[in-house]
Protein backbone atom coordinates (compact mmCIF):
# COMPACT_ATOMS: atom_id res chain seq x y z
CA MET A 1 33.06 -52.80 16.22
CA SER A 2 36.81 -52.75 16.70
CA PHE A 3 36.22 -51.93 20.40
CA GLN A 4 34.43 -55.23 20.90
CA LEU A 5 37.16 -57.08 19.04
CA THR A 6 39.72 -55.45 21.30
CA VAL A 7 37.75 -56.71 24.30
CA LEU A 8 37.79 -60.23 22.83
CA LYS A 9 41.54 -60.03 22.27
CA VAL A 10 42.14 -58.78 25.82
CA LEU A 11 40.04 -61.57 27.33
CA ALA A 12 41.65 -64.21 25.12
CA GLY A 13 45.04 -63.12 26.47
CA GLN A 14 44.03 -63.35 30.14
CA PRO A 15 44.55 -66.37 32.40
CA ALA A 16 41.39 -68.46 32.16
CA GLY A 17 40.01 -65.88 29.69
CA ARG A 18 38.58 -63.82 32.56
CA ALA A 19 39.18 -60.26 33.79
CA SER A 20 37.46 -57.62 35.87
CA VAL A 21 35.77 -54.73 34.08
CA ALA A 22 38.42 -52.35 35.47
CA ASP A 23 41.25 -54.54 34.12
CA ILE A 24 39.54 -54.76 30.73
CA ARG A 25 39.08 -50.99 30.57
CA HIS A 26 42.73 -50.42 31.43
CA ALA A 27 43.99 -52.92 28.82
CA VAL A 28 41.63 -51.61 26.12
CA GLU A 29 42.71 -48.02 26.84
CA ILE A 30 46.36 -48.94 26.44
CA LEU A 31 45.76 -50.83 23.20
CA MET A 32 43.46 -48.22 21.64
CA ASN A 33 46.04 -45.50 22.36
CA SER A 34 49.07 -47.53 21.32
CA GLY A 35 49.10 -46.27 17.75
CA ARG A 36 47.84 -46.88 14.27
CA ASP A 37 49.16 -50.43 14.09
CA TRP A 38 46.63 -51.75 16.61
CA THR A 39 43.81 -49.60 15.27
CA ASP A 40 44.44 -50.71 11.69
CA ARG A 41 44.64 -54.34 12.76
CA MET A 42 41.29 -54.13 14.55
CA LYS A 43 39.71 -52.36 11.56
CA ARG A 44 40.86 -55.20 9.29
CA LEU A 45 39.31 -57.73 11.63
CA ALA A 46 36.11 -55.67 11.96
CA GLU A 47 35.63 -55.77 8.18
CA HIS A 48 34.87 -59.49 8.57
CA ALA A 49 32.32 -58.95 11.36
CA PRO A 50 30.56 -55.63 10.74
CA ASP A 51 27.51 -56.30 12.98
CA LEU A 52 29.33 -57.99 15.84
CA ASN A 53 27.79 -57.92 19.31
CA ILE A 54 29.98 -60.02 21.60
CA PHE A 55 27.26 -60.30 24.25
CA SER A 56 24.25 -61.28 22.15
CA ALA A 57 26.45 -63.71 20.19
CA LYS A 58 27.44 -65.25 23.55
CA PHE A 59 31.17 -64.74 22.89
CA VAL A 60 31.56 -63.04 26.28
CA PHE A 61 29.90 -64.01 29.54
CA ARG A 62 29.28 -61.28 32.16
CA ASP A 63 28.85 -61.71 35.88
CA ALA A 64 29.49 -59.73 39.07
CA LEU A 65 33.20 -60.62 39.05
CA GLY A 66 33.91 -59.48 35.49
CA TRP A 67 33.83 -60.78 31.94
CA GLU A 68 34.95 -64.10 30.49
CA ILE A 69 35.46 -65.16 26.89
CA THR A 70 33.53 -68.30 26.00
CA GLU A 71 34.79 -71.19 23.90
CA GLU A 72 32.58 -69.90 21.08
CA GLY A 73 34.27 -66.52 21.45
CA ARG A 74 37.72 -68.09 21.17
CA GLN A 75 36.68 -70.05 18.07
CA PHE A 76 35.14 -66.95 16.48
CA LEU A 77 38.26 -64.89 17.16
CA SER A 78 40.50 -67.59 15.72
CA ALA A 79 38.34 -67.91 12.58
CA LEU A 80 38.24 -64.14 12.19
CA GLU A 81 42.02 -63.80 12.44
CA THR A 82 42.47 -66.61 9.91
CA ALA A 83 40.06 -64.95 7.48
CA ALA A 84 41.86 -61.63 7.82
CA ALA A 85 45.27 -63.26 7.31
CA VAL A 86 44.09 -65.10 4.19
CA ARG A 87 42.68 -61.88 2.76
CA ARG A 88 46.02 -60.10 3.21
CA GLU A 89 47.94 -62.71 1.18
CA PRO A 90 48.60 -61.67 -2.41
CA PRO A 91 46.27 -63.44 -4.85
CA ARG A 92 47.70 -66.39 -6.72
CA SER A 93 47.75 -66.45 -10.47
CA THR A 94 45.00 -68.55 -12.03
CA ILE A 95 47.04 -69.04 -15.18
CA ASP A 96 50.00 -70.83 -13.61
CA PRO A 97 49.07 -73.55 -11.11
CA PRO A 98 51.33 -73.60 -8.04
CA SER A 99 54.30 -75.90 -8.52
CA SER A 100 55.44 -78.40 -5.93
CA GLU A 101 58.94 -76.96 -5.98
CA PRO A 102 59.49 -73.46 -4.62
CA THR A 103 61.41 -71.25 -6.98
CA ALA A 104 63.75 -68.61 -5.73
CA GLN A 105 63.56 -65.37 -7.62
CA PRO A 106 66.82 -63.48 -7.96
CA ALA A 107 66.84 -59.99 -6.52
CA THR A 108 66.89 -57.41 -9.26
CA ASP A 109 67.61 -53.73 -9.19
CA ALA A 110 63.89 -53.09 -9.72
CA THR A 111 62.89 -55.03 -6.60
CA LYS A 112 65.66 -53.44 -4.55
CA SER A 113 64.52 -49.97 -5.52
CA LEU A 114 61.04 -50.60 -4.07
CA ASP A 115 62.44 -50.42 -0.54
CA PRO A 116 63.09 -46.82 0.50
CA PRO A 117 66.48 -46.08 2.03
CA ARG A 118 66.41 -46.34 5.81
CA SER A 119 68.78 -43.52 6.64
CA ARG A 120 70.54 -40.65 4.98
CA ARG A 121 73.76 -42.63 4.79
CA GLN A 122 72.14 -45.34 2.69
CA ARG A 123 70.87 -42.89 0.11
CA PRO A 124 72.95 -42.43 -3.02
CA ARG A 125 74.78 -39.12 -3.07
CA ARG A 126 73.57 -36.50 -5.47
CA ARG A 127 76.24 -34.85 -7.56
CA ARG A 128 76.11 -31.28 -8.71
CA GLY A 129 75.97 -30.72 -12.41
CA LYS A 130 78.89 -29.07 -14.24
CA SER A 131 76.96 -25.83 -14.54
CA GLN A 132 76.44 -25.50 -10.78
CA SER A 133 79.08 -23.85 -8.70
CA ASN A 134 80.36 -25.08 -5.37
CA HIS A 135 79.98 -21.57 -3.98
CA ARG A 136 76.72 -20.13 -2.82
CA THR A 137 75.71 -16.67 -3.85
CA ALA A 138 73.95 -14.19 -1.58
């Protein structure tokens, strides 16, 4: 139901939460074709509402002028985004209770190596072994 979530997001971003069907189609088309980032985001949200129907749940009101998100729709969308954000946080350890003082962890070579180099110039140079020649053979 990521399509219906996209409709909710589009309406929530409109002035007064209202848009014509043509405007909604255009915005949804742009978002759905904008790349994997949007698609993945909507899939994560859809995991929390697998049987969503924005019309029967009264999250969107339809009339001759277009569609409008209801207050219930805004609240649902907000709760859904909060649930998805909480789920993405790394789980806390149950052994060590959280302390009141934040502790800074020093960067180690192991943590630095997790990030891939961003360009060829940032990669370490590879050296040829002593047995390899600098000349190529045909």
